[in-house]
Amino acid sequence: MEQINAIGRRKAAVARVYLKEGNGKIVVNKKAFENYFPSKILQIIVRQPLEKLDTVGKYDIYLNIRGGGFKGQSEAARLAITRALIKINPEDKAILRKAGFVTRDPRVVERKKPGRPKARKRFQFSKR
C-alpha cells in the first residue's frame, strides 16, 4: 500500500496527514504524539476514527499541523485521519459519518468590524 494523503481543517488549524501501513506510530510535527498533545482528552480526539474502525495498530500516521490552538489542531487532525481512512476503504464512510467525524465544522472566528472594538461589541453609548 502506498502513502495516503488527506487534509483536515478546524477554526484556524490545518492538518495534513500522511498515512501508510505500519505498526501504529503517530508523529506530529516531527515530535512524538504524546509529547505534542500532552492532554489525554486531545489524544483521544485524534484517535477516535481509528478506534471506531478498530484500526489502531494498523497504520503509521505522520501529521503536519499549523495554526490554531491545541483543541482546533486535534479536531483538524481527526478530520484529516478520517478522510484518509475513507480514501483507503470507502465503505467505512457510513460508520464514520454516523459518529460525526466526516463533517467539517464550519464555525470560524468572525472578523473585526471597523469602528468597533471587536466583531460585535460596541463602544459605550453616551447620550451627552
N, C-alpha and C. Protein backbone atom coordinates (compact mmCIF):
# COMPACT_ATOMS: atom_id res chain seq x y z
N MET A 1 0.84 -1.20 0.00
CA MET A 1 0.00 0.00 0.00
C MET A 1 0.88 1.25 0.00
N GLU A 2 0.56 2.17 -0.89
CA GLU A 2 1.31 3.42 -0.93
C GLU A 2 0.78 4.39 0.12
N GLN A 3 1.44 5.50 0.21
CA GLN A 3 1.08 6.52 1.21
C GLN A 3 -0.19 7.25 0.79
N ILE A 4 -1.09 7.47 1.74
CA ILE A 4 -2.35 8.18 1.50
C ILE A 4 -2.25 9.56 2.14
N ASN A 5 -2.61 10.61 1.39
CA ASN A 5 -2.59 11.98 1.90
C ASN A 5 -4.02 12.47 2.08
N ALA A 6 -4.23 13.32 3.10
CA ALA A 6 -5.52 13.97 3.30
C ALA A 6 -5.28 15.24 4.11
N ILE A 7 -6.29 16.11 4.08
CA ILE A 7 -6.18 17.39 4.80
C ILE A 7 -7.45 17.60 5.62
N GLY A 8 -7.27 18.19 6.81
CA GLY A 8 -8.41 18.49 7.67
C GLY A 8 -8.25 19.89 8.24
N ARG A 9 -9.36 20.60 8.39
CA ARG A 9 -9.32 21.96 8.93
C ARG A 9 -10.34 22.10 10.05
N ARG A 10 -10.02 22.97 11.00
CA ARG A 10 -10.95 23.34 12.08
C ARG A 10 -10.51 24.68 12.62
N LYS A 11 -11.41 25.67 12.64
CA LYS A 11 -11.08 27.04 13.03
C LYS A 11 -9.90 27.52 12.19
N ALA A 12 -8.78 27.87 12.82
CA ALA A 12 -7.62 28.35 12.06
C ALA A 12 -6.58 27.25 11.86
N ALA A 13 -6.85 26.04 12.34
CA ALA A 13 -5.88 24.95 12.27
C ALA A 13 -6.02 24.17 10.97
N VAL A 14 -4.88 23.79 10.39
CA VAL A 14 -4.84 22.98 9.19
C VAL A 14 -3.94 21.78 9.46
N ALA A 15 -4.47 20.58 9.25
CA ALA A 15 -3.70 19.35 9.49
C ALA A 15 -3.57 18.57 8.19
N ARG A 16 -2.32 18.26 7.82
CA ARG A 16 -2.06 17.39 6.68
C ARG A 16 -1.61 16.05 7.23
N VAL A 17 -2.22 14.97 6.74
CA VAL A 17 -1.90 13.64 7.24
C VAL A 17 -1.32 12.79 6.12
N TYR A 18 -0.30 12.00 6.48
CA TYR A 18 0.31 11.03 5.58
C TYR A 18 0.17 9.69 6.28
N LEU A 19 -0.61 8.80 5.69
CA LEU A 19 -0.97 7.54 6.33
C LEU A 19 -0.45 6.38 5.50
N LYS A 20 0.24 5.45 6.13
CA LYS A 20 0.70 4.24 5.43
C LYS A 20 0.65 3.07 6.39
N GLU A 21 0.66 1.87 5.84
CA GLU A 21 0.61 0.67 6.68
C GLU A 21 1.83 0.60 7.57
N GLY A 22 1.61 0.20 8.82
CA GLY A 22 2.71 0.13 9.78
C GLY A 22 2.25 -0.49 11.07
N ASN A 23 2.85 -0.01 12.17
CA ASN A 23 2.56 -0.60 13.47
C ASN A 23 1.89 0.37 14.44
N GLY A 24 1.28 1.44 13.94
CA GLY A 24 0.50 2.33 14.80
C GLY A 24 1.24 3.53 15.35
N LYS A 25 2.40 3.87 14.76
CA LYS A 25 3.17 5.02 15.24
C LYS A 25 2.51 6.31 14.74
N ILE A 26 2.35 7.28 15.64
CA ILE A 26 1.78 8.59 15.28
C ILE A 26 2.83 9.65 15.59
N VAL A 27 3.17 10.46 14.57
CA VAL A 27 4.16 11.53 14.71
C VAL A 27 3.50 12.84 14.29
N VAL A 28 3.60 13.86 15.15
CA VAL A 28 3.00 15.17 14.86
C VAL A 28 4.12 16.21 14.82
N ASN A 29 4.29 16.87 13.70
CA ASN A 29 5.33 17.89 13.52
C ASN A 29 6.70 17.40 14.01
N LYS A 30 7.05 16.19 13.60
CA LYS A 30 8.33 15.55 13.92
C LYS A 30 8.55 15.32 15.42
N LYS A 31 7.45 15.32 16.18
CA LYS A 31 7.51 15.03 17.61
C LYS A 31 6.64 13.82 17.89
N ALA A 32 6.90 13.16 18.99
CA ALA A 32 6.05 12.04 19.39
C ALA A 32 4.64 12.57 19.70
N PHE A 33 3.66 11.77 19.35
CA PHE A 33 2.25 12.15 19.51
C PHE A 33 1.94 12.52 20.96
N GLU A 34 2.44 11.75 21.92
CA GLU A 34 2.17 12.00 23.34
C GLU A 34 2.82 13.29 23.83
N ASN A 35 3.92 13.69 23.21
CA ASN A 35 4.59 14.94 23.59
C ASN A 35 3.89 16.15 22.99
N TYR A 36 3.39 16.02 21.76
CA TYR A 36 2.75 17.16 21.10
C TYR A 36 1.39 17.45 21.72
N PHE A 37 0.61 16.39 21.99
CA PHE A 37 -0.69 16.54 22.67
C PHE A 37 -0.58 15.90 24.05
N PRO A 38 -0.08 16.66 25.06
CA PRO A 38 0.08 16.06 26.38
C PRO A 38 -1.24 15.73 27.07
N SER A 39 -2.32 16.40 26.70
CA SER A 39 -3.63 16.14 27.31
C SER A 39 -4.22 14.83 26.77
N LYS A 40 -4.68 13.98 27.67
CA LYS A 40 -5.28 12.69 27.27
C LYS A 40 -6.54 12.90 26.43
N ILE A 41 -7.31 13.95 26.73
CA ILE A 41 -8.54 14.23 26.00
C ILE A 41 -8.24 14.52 24.53
N LEU A 42 -7.21 15.33 24.28
CA LEU A 42 -6.84 15.65 22.89
C LEU A 42 -6.31 14.41 22.17
N GLN A 43 -5.59 13.55 22.88
CA GLN A 43 -5.11 12.30 22.28
C GLN A 43 -6.28 11.41 21.88
N ILE A 44 -7.30 11.36 22.74
CA ILE A 44 -8.49 10.55 22.44
C ILE A 44 -9.19 11.10 21.20
N ILE A 45 -9.31 12.44 21.09
CA ILE A 45 -9.97 13.06 19.93
C ILE A 45 -9.27 12.65 18.64
N VAL A 46 -7.93 12.68 18.63
CA VAL A 46 -7.18 12.34 17.41
C VAL A 46 -7.36 10.86 17.06
N ARG A 47 -7.42 9.99 18.08
CA ARG A 47 -7.50 8.55 17.82
C ARG A 47 -8.92 8.04 17.55
N GLN A 48 -9.94 8.88 17.74
CA GLN A 48 -11.34 8.43 17.63
C GLN A 48 -11.67 7.67 16.34
N PRO A 49 -11.30 8.18 15.15
CA PRO A 49 -11.67 7.42 13.94
C PRO A 49 -10.98 6.05 13.86
N LEU A 50 -9.75 5.96 14.36
CA LEU A 50 -9.04 4.68 14.35
C LEU A 50 -9.71 3.68 15.29
N GLU A 51 -10.13 4.15 16.47
CA GLU A 51 -10.78 3.27 17.43
C GLU A 51 -12.16 2.84 16.94
N LYS A 52 -12.84 3.73 16.24
CA LYS A 52 -14.18 3.40 15.71
C LYS A 52 -14.11 2.25 14.71
N LEU A 53 -13.03 2.23 13.91
CA LEU A 53 -12.88 1.20 12.87
C LEU A 53 -11.99 0.04 13.31
N ASP A 54 -11.53 0.03 14.56
CA ASP A 54 -10.62 -0.99 15.08
C ASP A 54 -9.36 -1.13 14.23
N THR A 55 -8.74 0.00 13.88
CA THR A 55 -7.50 0.00 13.08
C THR A 55 -6.39 0.72 13.84
N VAL A 56 -6.37 0.59 15.17
CA VAL A 56 -5.43 1.36 15.99
C VAL A 56 -3.98 1.03 15.68
N GLY A 57 -3.60 -0.24 15.55
CA GLY A 57 -2.21 -0.60 15.32
C GLY A 57 -1.86 -0.87 13.87
N LYS A 58 -2.75 -0.51 12.95
CA LYS A 58 -2.58 -0.88 11.54
C LYS A 58 -1.75 0.10 10.73
N TYR A 59 -1.84 1.40 11.03
CA TYR A 59 -1.24 2.43 10.17
C TYR A 59 -0.25 3.30 10.94
N ASP A 60 0.81 3.70 10.23
CA ASP A 60 1.70 4.75 10.73
C ASP A 60 1.15 6.08 10.23
N ILE A 61 1.04 7.05 11.13
CA ILE A 61 0.43 8.34 10.80
C ILE A 61 1.44 9.45 11.04
N TYR A 62 1.67 10.26 10.01
CA TYR A 62 2.53 11.43 10.10
C TYR A 62 1.66 12.66 9.87
N LEU A 63 1.64 13.57 10.84
CA LEU A 63 0.80 14.76 10.77
C LEU A 63 1.65 16.02 10.75
N ASN A 64 1.30 16.94 9.85
CA ASN A 64 1.85 18.30 9.87
C ASN A 64 0.69 19.22 10.21
N ILE A 65 0.79 19.92 11.33
CA ILE A 65 -0.31 20.78 11.80
C ILE A 65 0.21 22.19 11.96
N ARG A 66 -0.57 23.16 11.44
CA ARG A 66 -0.21 24.58 11.58
C ARG A 66 -1.45 25.37 11.97
N GLY A 67 -1.24 26.43 12.74
CA GLY A 67 -2.30 27.37 13.07
C GLY A 67 -3.22 26.88 14.17
N GLY A 68 -3.95 27.82 14.78
CA GLY A 68 -4.94 27.48 15.77
C GLY A 68 -4.36 27.07 17.11
N GLY A 69 -5.23 26.61 17.98
CA GLY A 69 -4.82 26.14 19.30
C GLY A 69 -4.84 24.62 19.35
N PHE A 70 -4.56 24.06 20.51
CA PHE A 70 -4.46 22.61 20.64
C PHE A 70 -5.78 21.91 20.31
N LYS A 71 -6.89 22.46 20.79
CA LYS A 71 -8.19 21.84 20.55
C LYS A 71 -8.53 21.83 19.05
N GLY A 72 -8.37 22.98 18.40
CA GLY A 72 -8.63 23.05 16.96
C GLY A 72 -7.70 22.15 16.17
N GLN A 73 -6.43 22.07 16.59
CA GLN A 73 -5.47 21.21 15.91
C GLN A 73 -5.84 19.75 16.04
N SER A 74 -6.29 19.35 17.23
CA SER A 74 -6.66 17.94 17.43
C SER A 74 -7.88 17.58 16.59
N GLU A 75 -8.85 18.49 16.49
CA GLU A 75 -10.04 18.21 15.69
C GLU A 75 -9.74 18.25 14.20
N ALA A 76 -8.80 19.11 13.78
CA ALA A 76 -8.36 19.12 12.38
C ALA A 76 -7.66 17.80 12.05
N ALA A 77 -6.84 17.31 12.98
CA ALA A 77 -6.15 16.03 12.78
C ALA A 77 -7.16 14.89 12.67
N ARG A 78 -8.20 14.93 13.51
CA ARG A 78 -9.24 13.89 13.45
C ARG A 78 -9.91 13.86 12.09
N LEU A 79 -10.24 15.04 11.55
CA LEU A 79 -10.88 15.11 10.23
C LEU A 79 -9.94 14.60 9.14
N ALA A 80 -8.66 14.97 9.22
CA ALA A 80 -7.69 14.53 8.22
C ALA A 80 -7.53 13.01 8.24
N ILE A 81 -7.43 12.43 9.44
CA ILE A 81 -7.30 10.97 9.56
C ILE A 81 -8.55 10.29 9.02
N THR A 82 -9.72 10.85 9.33
CA THR A 82 -10.99 10.30 8.83
C THR A 82 -11.01 10.28 7.32
N ARG A 83 -10.61 11.39 6.70
CA ARG A 83 -10.62 11.47 5.23
C ARG A 83 -9.63 10.48 4.62
N ALA A 84 -8.49 10.28 5.26
CA ALA A 84 -7.50 9.32 4.76
C ALA A 84 -8.05 7.90 4.86
N LEU A 85 -8.72 7.57 5.97
CA LEU A 85 -9.29 6.23 6.13
C LEU A 85 -10.39 5.98 5.10
N ILE A 86 -11.15 7.02 4.77
CA ILE A 86 -12.20 6.87 3.74
C ILE A 86 -11.57 6.63 2.37
N LYS A 87 -10.42 7.27 2.09
CA LYS A 87 -9.72 7.02 0.82
C LYS A 87 -9.26 5.56 0.72
N ILE A 88 -8.85 4.99 1.87
CA ILE A 88 -8.40 3.60 1.88
C ILE A 88 -9.57 2.66 1.66
N ASN A 89 -10.68 2.87 2.38
CA ASN A 89 -11.83 1.98 2.30
C ASN A 89 -13.12 2.82 2.30
N PRO A 90 -13.69 3.10 1.13
CA PRO A 90 -14.89 3.95 1.06
C PRO A 90 -16.11 3.39 1.80
N GLU A 91 -16.15 2.08 2.06
CA GLU A 91 -17.30 1.51 2.79
C GLU A 91 -17.37 1.98 4.23
N ASP A 92 -16.24 2.44 4.78
CA ASP A 92 -16.20 2.91 6.17
C ASP A 92 -16.84 4.28 6.35
N LYS A 93 -17.15 4.95 5.26
CA LYS A 93 -17.66 6.33 5.35
C LYS A 93 -18.95 6.41 6.16
N ALA A 94 -19.84 5.45 5.98
CA ALA A 94 -21.13 5.47 6.69
C ALA A 94 -20.92 5.38 8.20
N ILE A 95 -19.99 4.53 8.63
CA ILE A 95 -19.71 4.36 10.07
C ILE A 95 -19.14 5.66 10.64
N LEU A 96 -18.18 6.24 9.91
CA LEU A 96 -17.52 7.47 10.39
C LEU A 96 -18.48 8.66 10.36
N ARG A 97 -19.36 8.71 9.35
CA ARG A 97 -20.32 9.81 9.28
C ARG A 97 -21.31 9.72 10.44
N LYS A 98 -21.76 8.51 10.76
CA LYS A 98 -22.70 8.34 11.87
C LYS A 98 -22.07 8.80 13.19
N ALA A 99 -20.76 8.61 13.33
CA ALA A 99 -20.04 9.06 14.54
C ALA A 99 -19.79 10.56 14.52
N GLY A 100 -19.98 11.21 13.36
CA GLY A 100 -19.83 12.66 13.26
C GLY A 100 -18.42 13.14 12.95
N PHE A 101 -17.58 12.26 12.38
CA PHE A 101 -16.19 12.63 12.10
C PHE A 101 -15.98 13.16 10.69
N VAL A 102 -16.93 12.95 9.78
CA VAL A 102 -16.74 13.31 8.37
C VAL A 102 -17.04 14.79 8.12
N THR A 103 -17.99 15.35 8.86
CA THR A 103 -18.44 16.72 8.62
C THR A 103 -17.40 17.72 9.12
N ARG A 104 -17.06 18.67 8.27
CA ARG A 104 -16.12 19.74 8.63
C ARG A 104 -16.89 20.78 9.43
N ASP A 105 -16.41 21.12 10.62
CA ASP A 105 -17.08 22.11 11.46
C ASP A 105 -16.84 23.49 10.85
N PRO A 106 -17.87 24.18 10.35
CA PRO A 106 -17.65 25.43 9.62
C PRO A 106 -17.46 26.66 10.50
N ARG A 107 -17.57 26.51 11.82
CA ARG A 107 -17.50 27.68 12.69
C ARG A 107 -16.08 28.23 12.77
N VAL A 108 -15.93 29.49 12.40
CA VAL A 108 -14.65 30.18 12.50
C VAL A 108 -14.87 31.53 13.17
N VAL A 109 -13.80 32.17 13.59
CA VAL A 109 -13.91 33.45 14.28
C VAL A 109 -14.42 34.52 13.31
N GLU A 110 -15.40 35.30 13.76
CA GLU A 110 -15.94 36.39 12.95
C GLU A 110 -14.94 37.53 12.89
N ARG A 111 -14.85 38.18 11.74
CA ARG A 111 -13.85 39.24 11.59
C ARG A 111 -14.24 40.49 12.38
N LYS A 112 -13.22 41.26 12.76
CA LYS A 112 -13.43 42.53 13.46
C LYS A 112 -13.96 43.56 12.47
N LYS A 113 -14.97 44.33 12.88
CA LYS A 113 -15.55 45.35 12.01
C LYS A 113 -14.90 46.71 12.30
N PRO A 114 -14.79 47.57 11.28
CA PRO A 114 -14.19 48.89 11.52
C PRO A 114 -15.06 49.76 12.42
N GLY A 115 -14.42 50.55 13.26
CA GLY A 115 -15.14 51.46 14.15
C GLY A 115 -15.71 50.77 15.37
N ARG A 116 -15.32 49.52 15.62
CA ARG A 116 -15.80 48.77 16.78
C ARG A 116 -14.61 48.11 17.47
N PRO A 117 -14.74 47.84 18.79
CA PRO A 117 -13.62 47.21 19.47
C PRO A 117 -13.42 45.74 19.09
N LYS A 118 -14.51 45.01 18.77
CA LYS A 118 -14.44 43.61 18.37
C LYS A 118 -15.43 43.37 17.24
N ALA A 119 -15.77 42.12 16.98
CA ALA A 119 -16.67 41.81 15.87
C ALA A 119 -18.08 42.37 16.11
N ARG A 120 -18.60 42.20 17.31
CA ARG A 120 -19.97 42.65 17.60
C ARG A 120 -20.06 43.64 18.74
N LYS A 121 -19.03 43.72 19.55
CA LYS A 121 -19.04 44.63 20.69
C LYS A 121 -19.06 46.08 20.21
N ARG A 122 -19.83 46.92 20.93
CA ARG A 122 -19.88 48.35 20.61
C ARG A 122 -19.20 49.15 21.72
N PHE A 123 -18.76 50.34 21.37
CA PHE A 123 -18.27 51.25 22.42
C PHE A 123 -19.46 51.73 23.24
N GLN A 124 -19.23 52.10 24.49
CA GLN A 124 -20.31 52.51 25.39
C GLN A 124 -21.00 53.75 24.83
N PHE A 125 -22.35 53.70 24.82
CA PHE A 125 -23.14 54.81 24.30
C PHE A 125 -23.22 55.91 25.35
N SER A 126 -23.00 57.13 24.91
CA SER A 126 -23.09 58.28 25.81
C SER A 126 -24.10 59.26 25.22
N LYS A 127 -25.15 59.57 25.99
CA LYS A 127 -26.17 60.49 25.47
C LYS A 127 -25.63 61.89 25.42
N ARG A 128 -24.83 62.31 26.40
CA ARG A 128 -24.26 63.65 26.42
C ARG A 128 -22.75 63.61 26.48
